[in-house]
N, C-alpha and C. Protein backbone atom coordinates (compact mmCIF):
# COMPACT_ATOMS: atom_id res chain seq x y z
N MET A 1 33.93 -40.45 33.97
CA MET A 1 32.62 -40.02 34.50
C MET A 1 32.81 -39.51 35.93
N ASN A 2 32.11 -38.45 36.24
CA ASN A 2 32.19 -37.87 37.58
C ASN A 2 31.59 -38.83 38.62
N LYS A 3 32.12 -38.74 39.83
CA LYS A 3 31.60 -39.51 40.95
C LYS A 3 31.37 -38.57 42.13
N VAL A 4 30.24 -38.70 42.80
CA VAL A 4 29.91 -37.88 43.96
C VAL A 4 29.75 -38.77 45.18
N THR A 5 30.42 -38.39 46.26
CA THR A 5 30.32 -39.12 47.53
C THR A 5 29.98 -38.12 48.63
N VAL A 6 29.00 -38.45 49.45
CA VAL A 6 28.71 -37.64 50.63
C VAL A 6 29.69 -38.04 51.72
N LEU A 7 30.56 -37.12 52.11
CA LEU A 7 31.54 -37.39 53.15
C LEU A 7 30.95 -37.20 54.54
N VAL A 8 30.14 -36.17 54.69
CA VAL A 8 29.52 -35.84 55.98
C VAL A 8 28.06 -35.50 55.72
N GLU A 9 27.16 -36.18 56.40
CA GLU A 9 25.74 -35.82 56.32
C GLU A 9 25.49 -34.67 57.29
N GLY A 10 25.07 -33.54 56.75
CA GLY A 10 24.91 -32.35 57.57
C GLY A 10 23.83 -32.47 58.62
N TYR A 11 23.95 -31.65 59.64
CA TYR A 11 22.98 -31.66 60.74
C TYR A 11 22.69 -30.22 61.17
N ALA A 12 21.55 -30.04 61.80
CA ALA A 12 21.14 -28.74 62.34
C ALA A 12 20.14 -29.02 63.44
N ARG A 13 20.51 -28.71 64.67
CA ARG A 13 19.63 -29.05 65.80
C ARG A 13 19.96 -28.20 67.02
N PRO A 14 19.01 -28.03 67.90
CA PRO A 14 19.29 -27.31 69.15
C PRO A 14 20.35 -28.04 69.96
N GLY A 15 21.23 -27.26 70.59
CA GLY A 15 22.27 -27.82 71.44
C GLY A 15 22.07 -27.43 72.88
N PRO A 16 23.04 -27.73 73.72
CA PRO A 16 22.91 -27.42 75.15
C PRO A 16 23.06 -25.92 75.42
N ASN A 17 22.50 -25.49 76.54
CA ASN A 17 22.68 -24.11 77.02
C ASN A 17 22.31 -23.07 75.98
N ASP A 18 21.14 -23.25 75.36
CA ASP A 18 20.61 -22.29 74.39
C ASP A 18 21.48 -22.13 73.16
N SER A 19 22.28 -23.14 72.84
CA SER A 19 23.10 -23.09 71.62
C SER A 19 22.37 -23.80 70.48
N PHE A 20 22.95 -23.70 69.30
CA PHE A 20 22.44 -24.41 68.13
C PHE A 20 23.63 -25.09 67.45
N LEU A 21 23.48 -26.35 67.10
CA LEU A 21 24.56 -27.12 66.48
C LEU A 21 24.28 -27.28 65.00
N ALA A 22 25.25 -26.91 64.15
CA ALA A 22 25.04 -27.05 62.71
C ALA A 22 26.36 -27.20 61.97
N SER A 23 26.37 -28.14 61.06
CA SER A 23 27.45 -28.28 60.09
C SER A 23 26.82 -28.81 58.81
N SER A 24 27.29 -28.33 57.68
CA SER A 24 26.65 -28.67 56.42
C SER A 24 27.01 -30.06 55.94
N THR A 25 26.20 -30.57 55.03
CA THR A 25 26.59 -31.75 54.28
C THR A 25 27.83 -31.39 53.45
N THR A 26 28.82 -32.28 53.49
CA THR A 26 30.04 -32.09 52.70
C THR A 26 30.11 -33.20 51.67
N SER A 27 30.27 -32.79 50.41
CA SER A 27 30.34 -33.75 49.32
C SER A 27 31.71 -33.69 48.65
N LEU A 28 32.12 -34.82 48.10
CA LEU A 28 33.34 -34.92 47.32
C LEU A 28 32.97 -35.27 45.89
N ILE A 29 33.44 -34.45 44.94
CA ILE A 29 33.27 -34.75 43.53
C ILE A 29 34.63 -35.18 42.99
N GLU A 30 34.67 -36.36 42.41
CA GLU A 30 35.89 -36.84 41.78
C GLU A 30 35.70 -36.83 40.27
N THR A 31 36.54 -36.05 39.58
CA THR A 31 36.55 -36.02 38.13
C THR A 31 37.78 -36.80 37.66
N SER A 32 38.08 -36.73 36.37
CA SER A 32 39.23 -37.47 35.86
C SER A 32 40.54 -37.02 36.48
N ASP A 33 40.62 -35.72 36.84
CA ASP A 33 41.90 -35.22 37.37
C ASP A 33 41.75 -34.31 38.58
N LYS A 34 40.57 -34.22 39.15
CA LYS A 34 40.35 -33.31 40.28
C LYS A 34 39.54 -34.01 41.37
N LYS A 35 39.82 -33.59 42.60
CA LYS A 35 38.99 -33.94 43.75
C LYS A 35 38.48 -32.63 44.33
N ILE A 36 37.18 -32.42 44.22
CA ILE A 36 36.55 -31.15 44.59
C ILE A 36 35.74 -31.34 45.85
N LEU A 37 36.03 -30.54 46.85
CA LEU A 37 35.30 -30.59 48.12
C LEU A 37 34.24 -29.50 48.10
N VAL A 38 33.00 -29.89 48.33
CA VAL A 38 31.88 -28.94 48.29
C VAL A 38 31.36 -28.72 49.70
N ASP A 39 31.37 -27.47 50.14
CA ASP A 39 30.90 -27.08 51.47
C ASP A 39 31.59 -27.90 52.57
N PRO A 40 32.83 -27.56 52.91
CA PRO A 40 33.57 -28.36 53.89
C PRO A 40 33.00 -28.34 55.29
N GLY A 41 32.04 -27.48 55.57
CA GLY A 41 31.33 -27.53 56.84
C GLY A 41 32.09 -26.92 58.00
N ALA A 42 31.63 -27.25 59.22
CA ALA A 42 32.18 -26.65 60.43
C ALA A 42 32.71 -27.68 61.43
N ASN A 43 32.50 -28.97 61.13
CA ASN A 43 32.93 -30.02 62.06
C ASN A 43 34.20 -30.68 61.52
N LYS A 44 35.33 -30.27 62.07
CA LYS A 44 36.64 -30.74 61.59
C LYS A 44 36.77 -32.25 61.72
N GLU A 45 36.37 -32.82 62.85
CA GLU A 45 36.55 -34.24 63.10
C GLU A 45 35.76 -35.09 62.09
N LEU A 46 34.51 -34.71 61.82
CA LEU A 46 33.71 -35.47 60.86
C LEU A 46 34.27 -35.38 59.45
N LEU A 47 34.74 -34.20 59.07
CA LEU A 47 35.31 -34.04 57.73
C LEU A 47 36.56 -34.90 57.55
N LEU A 48 37.49 -34.82 58.51
CA LEU A 48 38.71 -35.59 58.39
C LEU A 48 38.44 -37.09 58.42
N ALA A 49 37.45 -37.51 59.22
CA ALA A 49 37.08 -38.92 59.26
C ALA A 49 36.48 -39.36 57.93
N GLY A 50 35.67 -38.50 57.31
CA GLY A 50 35.08 -38.83 56.01
C GLY A 50 36.13 -38.99 54.94
N LEU A 51 37.14 -38.13 54.93
CA LEU A 51 38.23 -38.26 53.97
C LEU A 51 39.04 -39.51 54.24
N ALA A 52 39.34 -39.76 55.51
CA ALA A 52 40.15 -40.93 55.87
C ALA A 52 39.46 -42.23 55.47
N LYS A 53 38.13 -42.26 55.56
CA LYS A 53 37.38 -43.46 55.19
C LYS A 53 37.61 -43.83 53.73
N LEU A 54 37.89 -42.80 52.90
CA LEU A 54 38.16 -43.03 51.48
C LEU A 54 39.66 -43.05 51.18
N ASN A 55 40.47 -43.04 52.25
CA ASN A 55 41.93 -43.01 52.10
C ASN A 55 42.40 -41.80 51.29
N ILE A 56 41.75 -40.66 51.53
CA ILE A 56 42.12 -39.41 50.88
C ILE A 56 42.72 -38.47 51.91
N LYS A 57 43.89 -37.96 51.63
CA LYS A 57 44.52 -36.99 52.51
C LYS A 57 44.06 -35.58 52.14
N PRO A 58 43.99 -34.66 53.12
CA PRO A 58 43.56 -33.29 52.81
C PRO A 58 44.35 -32.66 51.67
N GLU A 59 45.64 -32.96 51.57
CA GLU A 59 46.47 -32.36 50.53
C GLU A 59 46.16 -32.90 49.14
N GLU A 60 45.34 -33.94 49.05
CA GLU A 60 44.94 -34.46 47.74
C GLU A 60 43.73 -33.72 47.16
N ILE A 61 43.10 -32.88 47.95
CA ILE A 61 41.96 -32.10 47.45
C ILE A 61 42.47 -31.03 46.48
N SER A 62 41.78 -30.87 45.35
CA SER A 62 42.22 -29.94 44.30
C SER A 62 41.69 -28.53 44.51
N LEU A 63 40.44 -28.41 44.91
CA LEU A 63 39.82 -27.10 45.12
C LEU A 63 38.59 -27.26 45.99
N ILE A 64 38.09 -26.14 46.46
CA ILE A 64 36.90 -26.13 47.33
C ILE A 64 35.82 -25.27 46.67
N TYR A 65 34.59 -25.76 46.74
CA TYR A 65 33.45 -24.99 46.26
C TYR A 65 32.53 -24.70 47.44
N ILE A 66 32.09 -23.44 47.53
CA ILE A 66 31.21 -22.99 48.61
C ILE A 66 29.86 -22.59 48.02
N SER A 67 28.77 -23.17 48.54
CA SER A 67 27.44 -22.84 48.01
C SER A 67 26.97 -21.46 48.43
N HIS A 68 27.35 -21.04 49.64
CA HIS A 68 26.98 -19.71 50.13
C HIS A 68 27.76 -19.44 51.40
N TYR A 69 27.70 -18.18 51.86
CA TYR A 69 28.60 -17.74 52.93
C TYR A 69 27.96 -17.79 54.31
N HIS A 70 27.45 -18.95 54.70
CA HIS A 70 27.06 -19.18 56.08
C HIS A 70 28.15 -20.04 56.72
N PRO A 71 28.62 -19.66 57.92
CA PRO A 71 29.78 -20.34 58.51
C PRO A 71 29.65 -21.85 58.66
N ASP A 72 28.43 -22.36 58.87
CA ASP A 72 28.31 -23.81 59.02
C ASP A 72 28.66 -24.55 57.73
N HIS A 73 28.78 -23.82 56.63
CA HIS A 73 29.15 -24.41 55.35
C HIS A 73 30.62 -24.23 55.00
N PHE A 74 31.31 -23.26 55.63
CA PHE A 74 32.66 -22.98 55.14
C PHE A 74 33.77 -22.92 56.20
N LEU A 75 33.48 -23.04 57.48
CA LEU A 75 34.51 -22.82 58.48
C LEU A 75 35.74 -23.72 58.29
N ASN A 76 35.54 -24.91 57.78
CA ASN A 76 36.66 -25.84 57.64
C ASN A 76 37.60 -25.51 56.48
N ILE A 77 37.39 -24.42 55.77
CA ILE A 77 38.36 -24.06 54.72
C ILE A 77 39.73 -23.79 55.32
N ASN A 78 39.79 -23.51 56.62
CA ASN A 78 41.11 -23.27 57.24
C ASN A 78 41.98 -24.52 57.27
N LEU A 79 41.39 -25.69 56.98
CA LEU A 79 42.18 -26.92 56.87
C LEU A 79 42.91 -27.02 55.53
N PHE A 80 42.56 -26.11 54.62
CA PHE A 80 43.10 -26.15 53.25
C PHE A 80 43.62 -24.76 52.86
N PRO A 81 44.63 -24.26 53.55
CA PRO A 81 45.03 -22.86 53.39
C PRO A 81 45.59 -22.50 52.01
N ASN A 82 46.00 -23.47 51.23
CA ASN A 82 46.64 -23.17 49.94
C ASN A 82 45.74 -23.44 48.74
N LEU A 83 44.49 -23.80 48.98
CA LEU A 83 43.61 -24.14 47.87
C LEU A 83 42.83 -22.93 47.36
N ASP A 84 42.51 -22.97 46.06
CA ASP A 84 41.59 -22.00 45.50
C ASP A 84 40.20 -22.30 46.02
N ILE A 85 39.45 -21.24 46.30
CA ILE A 85 38.07 -21.35 46.78
C ILE A 85 37.15 -20.80 45.69
N TYR A 86 36.21 -21.63 45.26
CA TYR A 86 35.25 -21.22 44.24
C TYR A 86 33.88 -21.00 44.87
N GLU A 87 33.15 -20.04 44.32
CA GLU A 87 31.74 -19.88 44.61
C GLU A 87 31.03 -19.56 43.30
N GLY A 88 29.81 -19.07 43.36
CA GLY A 88 29.00 -18.95 42.16
C GLY A 88 29.65 -18.26 40.98
N THR A 89 30.37 -17.16 41.20
CA THR A 89 30.94 -16.41 40.09
C THR A 89 32.42 -16.07 40.26
N ILE A 90 33.00 -16.40 41.41
CA ILE A 90 34.36 -15.96 41.71
C ILE A 90 35.22 -17.11 42.19
N LYS A 91 36.47 -17.13 41.73
CA LYS A 91 37.50 -17.98 42.31
C LYS A 91 38.40 -17.08 43.16
N TRP A 92 38.61 -17.50 44.41
CA TRP A 92 39.49 -16.77 45.32
C TRP A 92 40.83 -17.49 45.42
N ARG A 93 41.90 -16.79 45.15
CA ARG A 93 43.25 -17.30 45.39
C ARG A 93 43.93 -16.29 46.30
N LYS A 94 43.91 -16.64 47.59
CA LYS A 94 44.35 -15.69 48.62
C LYS A 94 43.55 -14.40 48.47
N ASP A 95 44.19 -13.25 48.19
CA ASP A 95 43.44 -12.00 48.10
C ASP A 95 43.08 -11.62 46.66
N LYS A 96 43.28 -12.53 45.71
CA LYS A 96 42.96 -12.24 44.31
C LYS A 96 41.63 -12.87 43.93
N GLU A 97 40.84 -12.15 43.15
CA GLU A 97 39.55 -12.62 42.66
C GLU A 97 39.63 -12.83 41.15
N TYR A 98 39.13 -13.97 40.70
CA TYR A 98 39.04 -14.27 39.27
C TYR A 98 37.59 -14.63 38.98
N PHE A 99 37.03 -14.04 37.95
CA PHE A 99 35.62 -14.26 37.67
C PHE A 99 35.44 -15.41 36.68
N HIS A 100 34.40 -16.18 36.91
CA HIS A 100 34.07 -17.30 36.03
C HIS A 100 32.55 -17.40 35.97
N SER A 101 32.05 -18.28 35.11
CA SER A 101 30.60 -18.47 35.04
C SER A 101 30.28 -19.84 34.48
N ASP A 102 29.09 -20.30 34.75
CA ASP A 102 28.47 -21.48 34.15
C ASP A 102 29.02 -22.82 34.63
N PHE A 103 30.35 -22.98 34.65
CA PHE A 103 30.95 -24.27 35.01
C PHE A 103 32.16 -24.04 35.91
N ILE A 104 32.46 -25.02 36.77
CA ILE A 104 33.74 -24.99 37.45
C ILE A 104 34.80 -25.19 36.37
N PRO A 105 35.73 -24.25 36.23
CA PRO A 105 36.70 -24.33 35.13
C PRO A 105 37.41 -25.67 35.07
N GLY A 106 37.55 -26.17 33.84
CA GLY A 106 38.24 -27.43 33.61
C GLY A 106 37.39 -28.65 33.86
N THR A 107 36.08 -28.46 34.09
CA THR A 107 35.17 -29.58 34.34
C THR A 107 33.87 -29.37 33.57
N ASP A 108 33.01 -30.39 33.59
CA ASP A 108 31.66 -30.25 33.04
C ASP A 108 30.63 -30.08 34.16
N ILE A 109 31.08 -29.64 35.34
CA ILE A 109 30.20 -29.45 36.49
C ILE A 109 29.57 -28.07 36.39
N ALA A 110 28.26 -28.06 36.21
CA ALA A 110 27.54 -26.81 35.98
C ALA A 110 27.21 -26.11 37.30
N ILE A 111 27.36 -24.79 37.28
CA ILE A 111 27.00 -23.95 38.42
C ILE A 111 25.61 -23.39 38.18
N LEU A 112 24.72 -23.63 39.12
CA LEU A 112 23.31 -23.24 38.98
C LEU A 112 23.00 -22.17 40.02
N PRO A 113 22.76 -20.92 39.62
CA PRO A 113 22.36 -19.91 40.61
C PRO A 113 21.03 -20.31 41.24
N THR A 114 21.00 -20.37 42.57
CA THR A 114 19.79 -20.78 43.28
C THR A 114 19.57 -19.85 44.48
N PRO A 115 19.28 -18.58 44.22
CA PRO A 115 19.08 -17.64 45.33
C PRO A 115 17.80 -17.93 46.10
N GLY A 116 17.73 -17.34 47.27
CA GLY A 116 16.52 -17.46 48.11
C GLY A 116 16.88 -17.67 49.56
N HIS A 117 17.64 -18.73 49.84
CA HIS A 117 18.16 -18.91 51.21
C HIS A 117 19.08 -17.74 51.51
N THR A 118 19.98 -17.45 50.59
CA THR A 118 20.76 -16.21 50.56
C THR A 118 20.75 -15.71 49.13
N SER A 119 21.10 -14.45 48.94
CA SER A 119 21.09 -13.89 47.59
C SER A 119 22.20 -14.45 46.72
N ASP A 120 23.29 -14.92 47.34
CA ASP A 120 24.45 -15.40 46.59
C ASP A 120 24.47 -16.92 46.43
N HIS A 121 23.45 -17.61 46.86
CA HIS A 121 23.46 -19.07 46.90
C HIS A 121 23.54 -19.66 45.49
N SER A 122 24.36 -20.73 45.36
CA SER A 122 24.43 -21.47 44.11
C SER A 122 24.52 -22.97 44.41
N SER A 123 24.14 -23.77 43.43
CA SER A 123 24.18 -25.23 43.53
C SER A 123 25.02 -25.76 42.39
N LEU A 124 25.33 -27.06 42.44
CA LEU A 124 26.11 -27.70 41.40
C LEU A 124 25.32 -28.84 40.77
N LEU A 125 25.42 -28.96 39.46
CA LEU A 125 24.83 -30.08 38.73
C LEU A 125 25.96 -30.95 38.22
N VAL A 126 25.96 -32.22 38.65
CA VAL A 126 27.07 -33.12 38.36
C VAL A 126 26.54 -34.34 37.62
N SER A 127 26.99 -34.54 36.38
CA SER A 127 26.59 -35.72 35.62
C SER A 127 27.36 -36.93 36.11
N THR A 128 26.64 -37.99 36.50
CA THR A 128 27.25 -39.21 37.02
C THR A 128 26.52 -40.41 36.43
N LYS A 129 27.02 -41.60 36.73
CA LYS A 129 26.35 -42.82 36.28
C LYS A 129 24.98 -42.96 36.93
N GLU A 130 24.79 -42.34 38.09
CA GLU A 130 23.50 -42.41 38.80
C GLU A 130 22.51 -41.36 38.31
N GLY A 131 22.90 -40.53 37.36
CA GLY A 131 22.07 -39.45 36.88
C GLY A 131 22.72 -38.11 37.16
N VAL A 132 21.96 -37.04 36.94
CA VAL A 132 22.46 -35.70 37.23
C VAL A 132 22.16 -35.41 38.69
N ILE A 133 23.21 -35.36 39.49
CA ILE A 133 23.07 -35.09 40.92
C ILE A 133 23.16 -33.58 41.14
N CYS A 134 22.25 -33.06 41.93
CA CYS A 134 22.33 -31.65 42.34
C CYS A 134 22.83 -31.60 43.78
N ILE A 135 23.97 -30.96 43.97
CA ILE A 135 24.42 -30.62 45.32
C ILE A 135 23.80 -29.26 45.61
N ALA A 136 22.69 -29.30 46.33
CA ALA A 136 21.76 -28.16 46.38
C ALA A 136 21.97 -27.23 47.57
N GLY A 137 22.90 -27.55 48.46
CA GLY A 137 23.09 -26.67 49.61
C GLY A 137 21.77 -26.42 50.32
N ASP A 138 21.55 -25.18 50.72
CA ASP A 138 20.36 -24.87 51.51
C ASP A 138 19.18 -24.39 50.68
N VAL A 139 19.12 -24.82 49.41
CA VAL A 139 17.86 -24.68 48.68
C VAL A 139 16.77 -25.44 49.46
N PHE A 140 17.20 -26.54 50.06
CA PHE A 140 16.31 -27.31 50.94
C PHE A 140 16.97 -27.35 52.32
N TRP A 141 16.38 -26.64 53.27
CA TRP A 141 16.93 -26.53 54.62
C TRP A 141 15.91 -27.04 55.62
N TRP A 142 16.38 -27.86 56.54
CA TRP A 142 15.51 -28.33 57.63
C TRP A 142 16.37 -28.73 58.82
N GLU A 143 15.77 -28.69 59.99
CA GLU A 143 16.43 -29.20 61.19
C GLU A 143 16.36 -30.72 61.19
N ASP A 144 17.21 -31.33 62.00
CA ASP A 144 17.20 -32.78 62.14
C ASP A 144 15.79 -33.26 62.50
N GLY A 145 15.36 -34.32 61.86
CA GLY A 145 14.05 -34.90 62.14
C GLY A 145 12.90 -34.23 61.42
N GLN A 146 13.17 -33.14 60.66
CA GLN A 146 12.10 -32.43 59.98
C GLN A 146 12.11 -32.61 58.47
N GLN A 147 13.06 -33.37 57.94
CA GLN A 147 13.17 -33.52 56.49
C GLN A 147 11.89 -34.10 55.92
N LYS A 148 11.32 -33.39 54.94
CA LYS A 148 10.15 -33.87 54.22
C LYS A 148 10.47 -33.76 52.73
N SER A 149 10.74 -34.91 52.11
CA SER A 149 11.18 -34.89 50.72
C SER A 149 10.50 -35.97 49.89
N GLU A 150 9.32 -36.44 50.35
CA GLU A 150 8.64 -37.53 49.65
C GLU A 150 7.80 -37.04 48.47
N THR A 151 7.34 -35.78 48.52
CA THR A 151 6.51 -35.25 47.44
C THR A 151 7.00 -33.86 47.06
N LYS A 152 6.64 -33.46 45.85
CA LYS A 152 6.97 -32.11 45.41
C LYS A 152 6.32 -31.07 46.33
N GLU A 153 5.08 -31.33 46.72
CA GLU A 153 4.38 -30.39 47.61
C GLU A 153 5.14 -30.22 48.92
N ASP A 154 5.64 -31.33 49.49
CA ASP A 154 6.45 -31.24 50.71
C ASP A 154 7.63 -30.29 50.50
N LEU A 155 8.34 -30.48 49.40
CA LEU A 155 9.57 -29.73 49.16
C LEU A 155 9.31 -28.26 48.88
N LEU A 156 8.20 -27.96 48.20
CA LEU A 156 7.91 -26.57 47.88
C LEU A 156 7.27 -25.82 49.04
N SER A 157 6.57 -26.53 49.91
CA SER A 157 5.83 -25.85 50.98
C SER A 157 6.63 -25.70 52.26
N PHE A 158 7.73 -26.47 52.40
CA PHE A 158 8.48 -26.44 53.66
C PHE A 158 9.12 -25.07 53.86
N LYS A 159 8.88 -24.47 55.03
CA LYS A 159 9.36 -23.12 55.31
C LYS A 159 10.82 -23.13 55.74
N ASP A 160 11.58 -22.20 55.18
CA ASP A 160 12.98 -21.99 55.56
C ASP A 160 13.03 -20.74 56.43
N PRO A 161 13.27 -20.88 57.74
CA PRO A 161 13.24 -19.71 58.62
C PRO A 161 14.38 -18.73 58.35
N TYR A 162 15.37 -19.14 57.59
CA TYR A 162 16.52 -18.27 57.30
C TYR A 162 16.47 -17.67 55.90
N ALA A 163 15.43 -17.96 55.14
CA ALA A 163 15.34 -17.47 53.76
C ALA A 163 15.34 -15.95 53.72
N THR A 164 16.10 -15.41 52.79
CA THR A 164 16.13 -13.96 52.60
C THR A 164 15.12 -13.51 51.54
N ASP A 165 14.68 -14.44 50.68
CA ASP A 165 13.73 -14.10 49.62
C ASP A 165 12.92 -15.37 49.31
N GLU A 166 11.73 -15.47 49.88
CA GLU A 166 10.94 -16.69 49.74
C GLU A 166 10.50 -16.94 48.30
N LYS A 167 10.17 -15.89 47.57
CA LYS A 167 9.76 -16.07 46.17
C LYS A 167 10.91 -16.62 45.34
N ALA A 168 12.10 -16.07 45.53
CA ALA A 168 13.28 -16.58 44.80
C ALA A 168 13.58 -18.01 45.21
N LEU A 169 13.40 -18.32 46.49
CA LEU A 169 13.67 -19.68 46.97
C LEU A 169 12.74 -20.69 46.31
N MET A 170 11.45 -20.34 46.16
CA MET A 170 10.52 -21.25 45.51
C MET A 170 10.92 -21.50 44.06
N LYS A 171 11.37 -20.46 43.37
CA LYS A 171 11.83 -20.63 41.99
C LYS A 171 13.07 -21.52 41.95
N SER A 172 13.97 -21.36 42.92
CA SER A 172 15.18 -22.18 42.96
C SER A 172 14.83 -23.64 43.23
N ARG A 173 13.87 -23.88 44.12
CA ARG A 173 13.46 -25.26 44.39
C ARG A 173 12.86 -25.89 43.14
N ASP A 174 12.00 -25.14 42.44
CA ASP A 174 11.42 -25.64 41.20
C ASP A 174 12.51 -25.96 40.17
N LEU A 175 13.51 -25.09 40.08
CA LEU A 175 14.59 -25.27 39.11
C LEU A 175 15.38 -26.53 39.41
N VAL A 176 15.71 -26.75 40.67
CA VAL A 176 16.45 -27.96 41.05
C VAL A 176 15.63 -29.21 40.71
N LEU A 177 14.34 -29.18 41.01
CA LEU A 177 13.48 -30.34 40.73
C LEU A 177 13.35 -30.58 39.22
N GLU A 178 13.46 -29.53 38.44
CA GLU A 178 13.41 -29.66 36.99
C GLU A 178 14.70 -30.26 36.43
N LYS A 179 15.83 -29.98 37.10
CA LYS A 179 17.13 -30.29 36.51
C LYS A 179 17.75 -31.61 36.98
N ALA A 180 17.43 -32.09 38.17
CA ALA A 180 18.30 -33.11 38.77
C ALA A 180 17.56 -34.22 39.49
N ASP A 181 18.26 -35.33 39.63
CA ASP A 181 17.85 -36.46 40.45
C ASP A 181 19.06 -37.39 40.54
N PRO A 182 19.51 -37.71 41.73
CA PRO A 182 19.03 -37.33 43.07
C PRO A 182 19.52 -35.94 43.50
N ILE A 183 19.14 -35.56 44.74
CA ILE A 183 19.42 -34.23 45.27
C ILE A 183 20.08 -34.37 46.64
N ILE A 184 21.16 -33.62 46.83
CA ILE A 184 21.86 -33.59 48.12
C ILE A 184 21.55 -32.26 48.79
N PRO A 185 20.80 -32.28 49.91
CA PRO A 185 20.46 -31.02 50.59
C PRO A 185 21.61 -30.54 51.47
N GLY A 186 21.47 -29.33 51.97
CA GLY A 186 22.51 -28.75 52.83
C GLY A 186 22.66 -29.43 54.17
N HIS A 187 21.58 -30.05 54.65
CA HIS A 187 21.57 -30.79 55.92
C HIS A 187 20.59 -31.94 55.74
N GLY A 188 20.95 -33.12 56.19
CA GLY A 188 20.05 -34.25 56.07
C GLY A 188 20.44 -35.20 54.95
N LYS A 189 19.53 -36.11 54.63
CA LYS A 189 19.83 -37.23 53.73
C LYS A 189 19.64 -36.86 52.26
N ILE A 190 20.50 -37.43 51.42
CA ILE A 190 20.29 -37.36 49.98
C ILE A 190 18.92 -37.96 49.68
N PHE A 191 18.21 -37.39 48.68
CA PHE A 191 16.88 -37.91 48.39
C PHE A 191 16.62 -37.93 46.88
N LYS A 192 15.72 -38.84 46.49
CA LYS A 192 15.31 -38.93 45.11
C LYS A 192 14.34 -37.78 44.80
N ASN A 193 14.39 -37.29 43.59
CA ASN A 193 13.48 -36.26 43.14
C ASN A 193 12.08 -36.87 43.03
N PRO A 194 11.13 -36.44 43.86
CA PRO A 194 9.81 -37.09 43.85
C PRO A 194 9.04 -36.87 42.55
N THR A 195 9.40 -35.86 41.78
CA THR A 195 8.69 -35.63 40.51
C THR A 195 9.12 -36.64 39.45
N ARG A 196 10.17 -37.43 39.74
CA ARG A 196 10.66 -38.40 38.76
C ARG A 196 10.50 -39.85 39.22
N LEU A 197 9.95 -40.04 40.39
CA LEU A 197 9.87 -41.40 40.95
C LEU A 197 9.02 -42.32 40.09
N ASN A 198 7.99 -41.79 39.43
CA ASN A 198 7.09 -42.63 38.64
C ASN A 198 7.33 -42.51 37.15
N SER A 199 8.40 -41.77 36.78
CA SER A 199 8.68 -41.61 35.36
C SER A 199 9.38 -42.84 34.82
N THR A 200 9.24 -43.10 33.53
CA THR A 200 9.86 -44.26 32.91
C THR A 200 10.98 -43.83 31.99
């Protein structure tokens, strides 16, 4: 059975001298024979500390999955120069592209197209003992202290200032809420799907 661990809880907040600080949530998926790093983020120290806490060395990672091409989600790929990089439809091996669809090859981890934050955005659906977890990236985006995930209305109405297509984003949020529980956002805390909290 697959296992998902949040290695780094992502953050996004104003920094000093008119800067902005951001690094994505980084998750580790462990399958029977693979360790998959999802969105390695931009904070090297936090990522390496998260791996060390689990006694995992960087060279033990099998592959990397990127939800979308914003640097706060992928800058740390330089720590893994020899790994294949997967995204929604393409596997990158150095300068070679290989096309795939539906699942990360060799696993039962489903790839869910979730455009809206960006046109290329995708999420992962991972079957675990805790249920079907969605690693949702920036389908749900908020700054530190602004996370609102207690109700469906909160999640659907929250504005994403970086969204490229708000209508597509709303459809993607609905799709994630239909498919998964719990949900790991691109920044902030993992949360239970509020549409399922009262279900039996």
